N, C-alpha and C. Protein backbone atom coordinates (compact mmCIF):
# COMPACT_ATOMS: atom_id res chain seq x y z
N UNK A 1 2.33 -0.59 1.35
CA UNK A 1 1.30 -0.81 2.34
C UNK A 1 1.35 -2.28 2.74
N UNK A 2 1.44 -2.58 4.02
CA UNK A 2 1.45 -3.97 4.45
C UNK A 2 0.17 -4.68 4.03
N UNK A 3 0.27 -5.97 3.82
CA UNK A 3 -0.87 -6.74 3.35
C UNK A 3 -1.70 -7.28 4.50
N UNK A 4 -1.80 -6.53 5.58
CA UNK A 4 -2.61 -6.95 6.72
C UNK A 4 -3.40 -5.76 7.24
N UNK A 5 -4.45 -6.07 7.98
CA UNK A 5 -5.19 -5.01 8.64
C UNK A 5 -6.29 -4.40 7.82
N UNK A 6 -6.84 -3.33 8.36
CA UNK A 6 -7.98 -2.65 7.77
C UNK A 6 -7.52 -1.56 6.80
N UNK A 7 -8.19 -1.44 5.68
CA UNK A 7 -7.89 -0.41 4.69
C UNK A 7 -9.01 0.60 4.70
N UNK A 8 -8.66 1.89 4.71
CA UNK A 8 -9.64 2.98 4.69
C UNK A 8 -9.58 3.67 3.34
N UNK A 9 -10.74 3.88 2.72
CA UNK A 9 -10.82 4.54 1.43
C UNK A 9 -11.58 5.85 1.61
N UNK A 10 -10.96 6.98 1.22
CA UNK A 10 -11.57 8.29 1.37
C UNK A 10 -11.50 9.02 0.03
N UNK A 11 -12.60 9.65 -0.36
CA UNK A 11 -12.61 10.42 -1.60
C UNK A 11 -12.21 11.85 -1.27
N UNK A 12 -11.21 12.36 -2.00
CA UNK A 12 -10.75 13.73 -1.83
C UNK A 12 -10.82 14.39 -3.20
N UNK A 13 -11.82 15.21 -3.41
CA UNK A 13 -12.04 15.77 -4.74
C UNK A 13 -12.39 14.65 -5.70
N UNK A 14 -11.65 14.53 -6.79
CA UNK A 14 -11.86 13.43 -7.72
C UNK A 14 -10.93 12.26 -7.43
N UNK A 15 -10.03 12.42 -6.47
CA UNK A 15 -9.06 11.38 -6.16
C UNK A 15 -9.54 10.49 -5.01
N UNK A 16 -8.97 9.31 -4.97
CA UNK A 16 -9.25 8.36 -3.90
C UNK A 16 -7.97 8.17 -3.10
N UNK A 17 -8.06 8.30 -1.78
CA UNK A 17 -6.91 8.09 -0.90
C UNK A 17 -7.16 6.82 -0.11
N UNK A 18 -6.21 5.89 -0.21
CA UNK A 18 -6.29 4.62 0.48
C UNK A 18 -5.25 4.63 1.59
N UNK A 19 -5.68 4.34 2.83
CA UNK A 19 -4.77 4.32 3.97
C UNK A 19 -4.87 2.97 4.67
N UNK A 20 -3.79 2.56 5.30
CA UNK A 20 -3.83 1.32 6.08
C UNK A 20 -3.59 1.65 7.56
N UNK A 21 -3.56 0.62 8.37
CA UNK A 21 -3.43 0.83 9.81
C UNK A 21 -2.09 1.42 10.21
N UNK A 22 -1.06 1.25 9.37
CA UNK A 22 0.25 1.79 9.70
C UNK A 22 0.33 3.30 9.47
N UNK A 23 -0.70 3.87 8.82
CA UNK A 23 -0.72 5.29 8.54
C UNK A 23 -0.23 5.63 7.14
N UNK A 24 0.28 4.63 6.42
CA UNK A 24 0.72 4.87 5.04
C UNK A 24 -0.51 5.11 4.18
N UNK A 25 -0.41 6.05 3.25
CA UNK A 25 -1.55 6.32 2.38
C UNK A 25 -1.07 6.48 0.94
N UNK A 26 -1.95 6.15 0.01
CA UNK A 26 -1.67 6.19 -1.41
C UNK A 26 -2.85 6.84 -2.11
N UNK A 27 -2.56 7.69 -3.10
CA UNK A 27 -3.60 8.41 -3.82
C UNK A 27 -3.76 7.81 -5.21
N UNK A 28 -5.00 7.53 -5.59
CA UNK A 28 -5.33 7.01 -6.90
C UNK A 28 -6.27 8.00 -7.58
N UNK A 29 -6.04 8.28 -8.87
CA UNK A 29 -6.98 9.16 -9.56
C UNK A 29 -8.34 8.49 -9.65
N UNK A 30 -9.36 9.20 -9.26
CA UNK A 30 -10.70 8.63 -9.26
C UNK A 30 -11.51 9.07 -10.47
N UNK A 31 -12.45 8.26 -10.87
CA UNK A 31 -13.31 8.64 -11.99
C UNK A 31 -14.29 9.73 -11.56
N UNK A 32 -14.60 10.62 -12.45
CA UNK A 32 -15.52 11.70 -12.13
C UNK A 32 -16.95 11.18 -12.12
N UNK A 33 -17.65 11.38 -11.02
CA UNK A 33 -19.05 11.01 -10.92
C UNK A 33 -19.33 9.53 -10.74
N UNK A 34 -18.31 8.71 -10.68
CA UNK A 34 -18.52 7.27 -10.50
C UNK A 34 -17.76 6.80 -9.26
N UNK A 35 -18.36 5.93 -8.49
CA UNK A 35 -17.64 5.42 -7.31
C UNK A 35 -16.52 4.48 -7.74
N UNK A 36 -15.43 4.48 -7.02
CA UNK A 36 -14.31 3.58 -7.28
C UNK A 36 -14.40 2.46 -6.26
N UNK A 37 -14.67 1.27 -6.72
CA UNK A 37 -14.78 0.12 -5.84
C UNK A 37 -13.43 -0.58 -5.78
N UNK A 38 -12.87 -0.66 -4.60
CA UNK A 38 -11.58 -1.31 -4.42
C UNK A 38 -11.77 -2.64 -3.71
N UNK A 39 -11.37 -3.68 -4.36
CA UNK A 39 -11.36 -5.00 -3.75
C UNK A 39 -9.91 -5.45 -3.78
N UNK A 40 -9.16 -5.04 -2.77
CA UNK A 40 -7.73 -5.28 -2.75
C UNK A 40 -7.44 -6.64 -2.12
N UNK A 41 -6.74 -7.48 -2.88
CA UNK A 41 -6.32 -8.78 -2.37
C UNK A 41 -5.33 -8.53 -1.24
N UNK A 42 -5.55 -9.10 -0.07
CA UNK A 42 -4.66 -8.83 1.06
C UNK A 42 -3.23 -9.36 0.83
N UNK A 43 -3.04 -10.19 -0.19
CA UNK A 43 -1.69 -10.70 -0.49
C UNK A 43 -0.87 -9.69 -1.29
N UNK A 44 -1.48 -8.60 -1.76
CA UNK A 44 -0.78 -7.62 -2.58
C UNK A 44 -0.23 -6.51 -1.70
N UNK A 45 1.05 -6.23 -1.85
CA UNK A 45 1.72 -5.16 -1.13
C UNK A 45 1.66 -3.91 -2.01
N UNK A 46 0.95 -2.89 -1.58
CA UNK A 46 0.75 -1.69 -2.40
C UNK A 46 1.99 -0.82 -2.51
N UNK A 47 3.06 -1.17 -1.81
CA UNK A 47 4.30 -0.41 -1.95
C UNK A 47 5.15 -0.95 -3.09
N UNK A 48 4.74 -2.07 -3.68
CA UNK A 48 5.46 -2.69 -4.80
C UNK A 48 4.57 -2.62 -6.03
N UNK A 49 5.13 -2.85 -7.22
CA UNK A 49 4.31 -2.81 -8.43
C UNK A 49 3.12 -3.78 -8.35
N UNK A 50 1.92 -3.24 -8.46
CA UNK A 50 0.71 -4.02 -8.24
C UNK A 50 0.45 -4.99 -9.38
N UNK A 51 0.60 -4.54 -10.62
CA UNK A 51 0.26 -5.38 -11.77
C UNK A 51 1.07 -6.67 -11.77
N UNK A 52 2.38 -6.58 -11.53
CA UNK A 52 3.22 -7.77 -11.53
C UNK A 52 2.80 -8.73 -10.43
N UNK A 53 2.50 -8.19 -9.25
CA UNK A 53 2.06 -9.05 -8.15
C UNK A 53 0.74 -9.73 -8.50
N UNK A 54 -0.18 -8.98 -9.09
CA UNK A 54 -1.49 -9.53 -9.45
C UNK A 54 -1.35 -10.65 -10.47
N UNK A 55 -0.45 -10.47 -11.45
CA UNK A 55 -0.25 -11.51 -12.46
C UNK A 55 0.36 -12.77 -11.85
N UNK A 56 1.31 -12.60 -10.93
CA UNK A 56 1.91 -13.76 -10.26
C UNK A 56 0.88 -14.49 -9.41
N UNK A 57 0.05 -13.73 -8.68
CA UNK A 57 -0.98 -14.35 -7.84
C UNK A 57 -2.03 -15.06 -8.70
N UNK A 58 -2.38 -14.46 -9.84
CA UNK A 58 -3.35 -15.09 -10.73
C UNK A 58 -2.80 -16.41 -11.27
N UNK A 59 -1.53 -16.42 -11.67
CA UNK A 59 -0.91 -17.65 -12.16
C UNK A 59 -0.84 -18.70 -11.05
N UNK A 60 -0.52 -18.25 -9.85
CA UNK A 60 -0.44 -19.16 -8.70
C UNK A 60 -1.82 -19.76 -8.39
N UNK A 61 -2.86 -18.93 -8.44
CA UNK A 61 -4.22 -19.40 -8.19
C UNK A 61 -4.68 -20.39 -9.26
N UNK A 62 -4.34 -20.10 -10.53
CA UNK A 62 -4.71 -21.01 -11.63
C UNK A 62 -4.02 -22.35 -11.47
N UNK A 63 -2.73 -22.33 -11.11
CA UNK A 63 -1.98 -23.57 -10.92
C UNK A 63 -2.57 -24.38 -9.77
N UNK A 64 -2.94 -23.71 -8.69
CA UNK A 64 -3.54 -24.40 -7.54
C UNK A 64 -4.89 -25.00 -7.92
N UNK A 65 -5.68 -24.28 -8.72
CA UNK A 65 -6.98 -24.79 -9.16
C UNK A 65 -6.79 -26.00 -10.07
N UNK A 66 -5.78 -25.96 -10.93
CA UNK A 66 -5.51 -27.09 -11.83
C UNK A 66 -5.07 -28.31 -11.03
N UNK A 67 -4.22 -28.11 -10.01
CA UNK A 67 -3.79 -29.23 -9.16
C UNK A 67 -4.98 -29.85 -8.43
N UNK A 68 -5.87 -28.99 -7.92
CA UNK A 68 -7.04 -29.48 -7.20
C UNK A 68 -7.97 -30.25 -8.14
N UNK A 69 -8.15 -29.74 -9.35
CA UNK A 69 -8.99 -30.41 -10.34
C UNK A 69 -8.41 -31.78 -10.68
N UNK A 70 -7.08 -31.85 -10.83
CA UNK A 70 -6.40 -33.12 -11.14
C UNK A 70 -6.58 -34.12 -10.00
N UNK A 71 -6.47 -33.64 -8.75
CA UNK A 71 -6.66 -34.52 -7.59
C UNK A 71 -8.08 -35.08 -7.55
N UNK A 72 -9.06 -34.22 -7.84
CA UNK A 72 -10.47 -34.67 -7.85
C UNK A 72 -10.69 -35.72 -8.93
N UNK A 73 -10.07 -35.50 -10.10
CA UNK A 73 -10.21 -36.44 -11.21
C UNK A 73 -9.58 -37.78 -10.82
N UNK A 74 -8.42 -37.76 -10.19
CA UNK A 74 -7.74 -38.98 -9.77
C UNK A 74 -8.54 -39.71 -8.70
N UNK A 75 -9.16 -38.95 -7.79
CA UNK A 75 -9.97 -39.56 -6.73
C UNK A 75 -11.21 -40.22 -7.32
N UNK A 76 -11.77 -39.62 -8.37
CA UNK A 76 -12.97 -40.19 -9.00
C UNK A 76 -12.63 -41.48 -9.74
N UNK A 77 -11.42 -41.57 -10.28
CA UNK A 77 -11.01 -42.77 -11.01
C UNK A 77 -10.74 -43.91 -10.03
N UNK A 78 -10.17 -43.60 -8.87
CA UNK A 78 -9.79 -44.64 -7.90
C UNK A 78 -10.96 -45.27 -7.21
């Protein structure tokens, strides 16, 4: 699934079907009786392994936060 555009989430029985603007759709097993809340990072391509992408993005975000924190600390010293 491309990482752009609007995502549609539809419940079909106990499953959740996620579709994007290109018409591609993916089915996820849904929990019985509980809503499935999807907060999909637009940088994640759902056609590739999600967990690996999420771990890389998390590491990238942590590194960026550490760089920003270091810059703020250096600015406070100067």
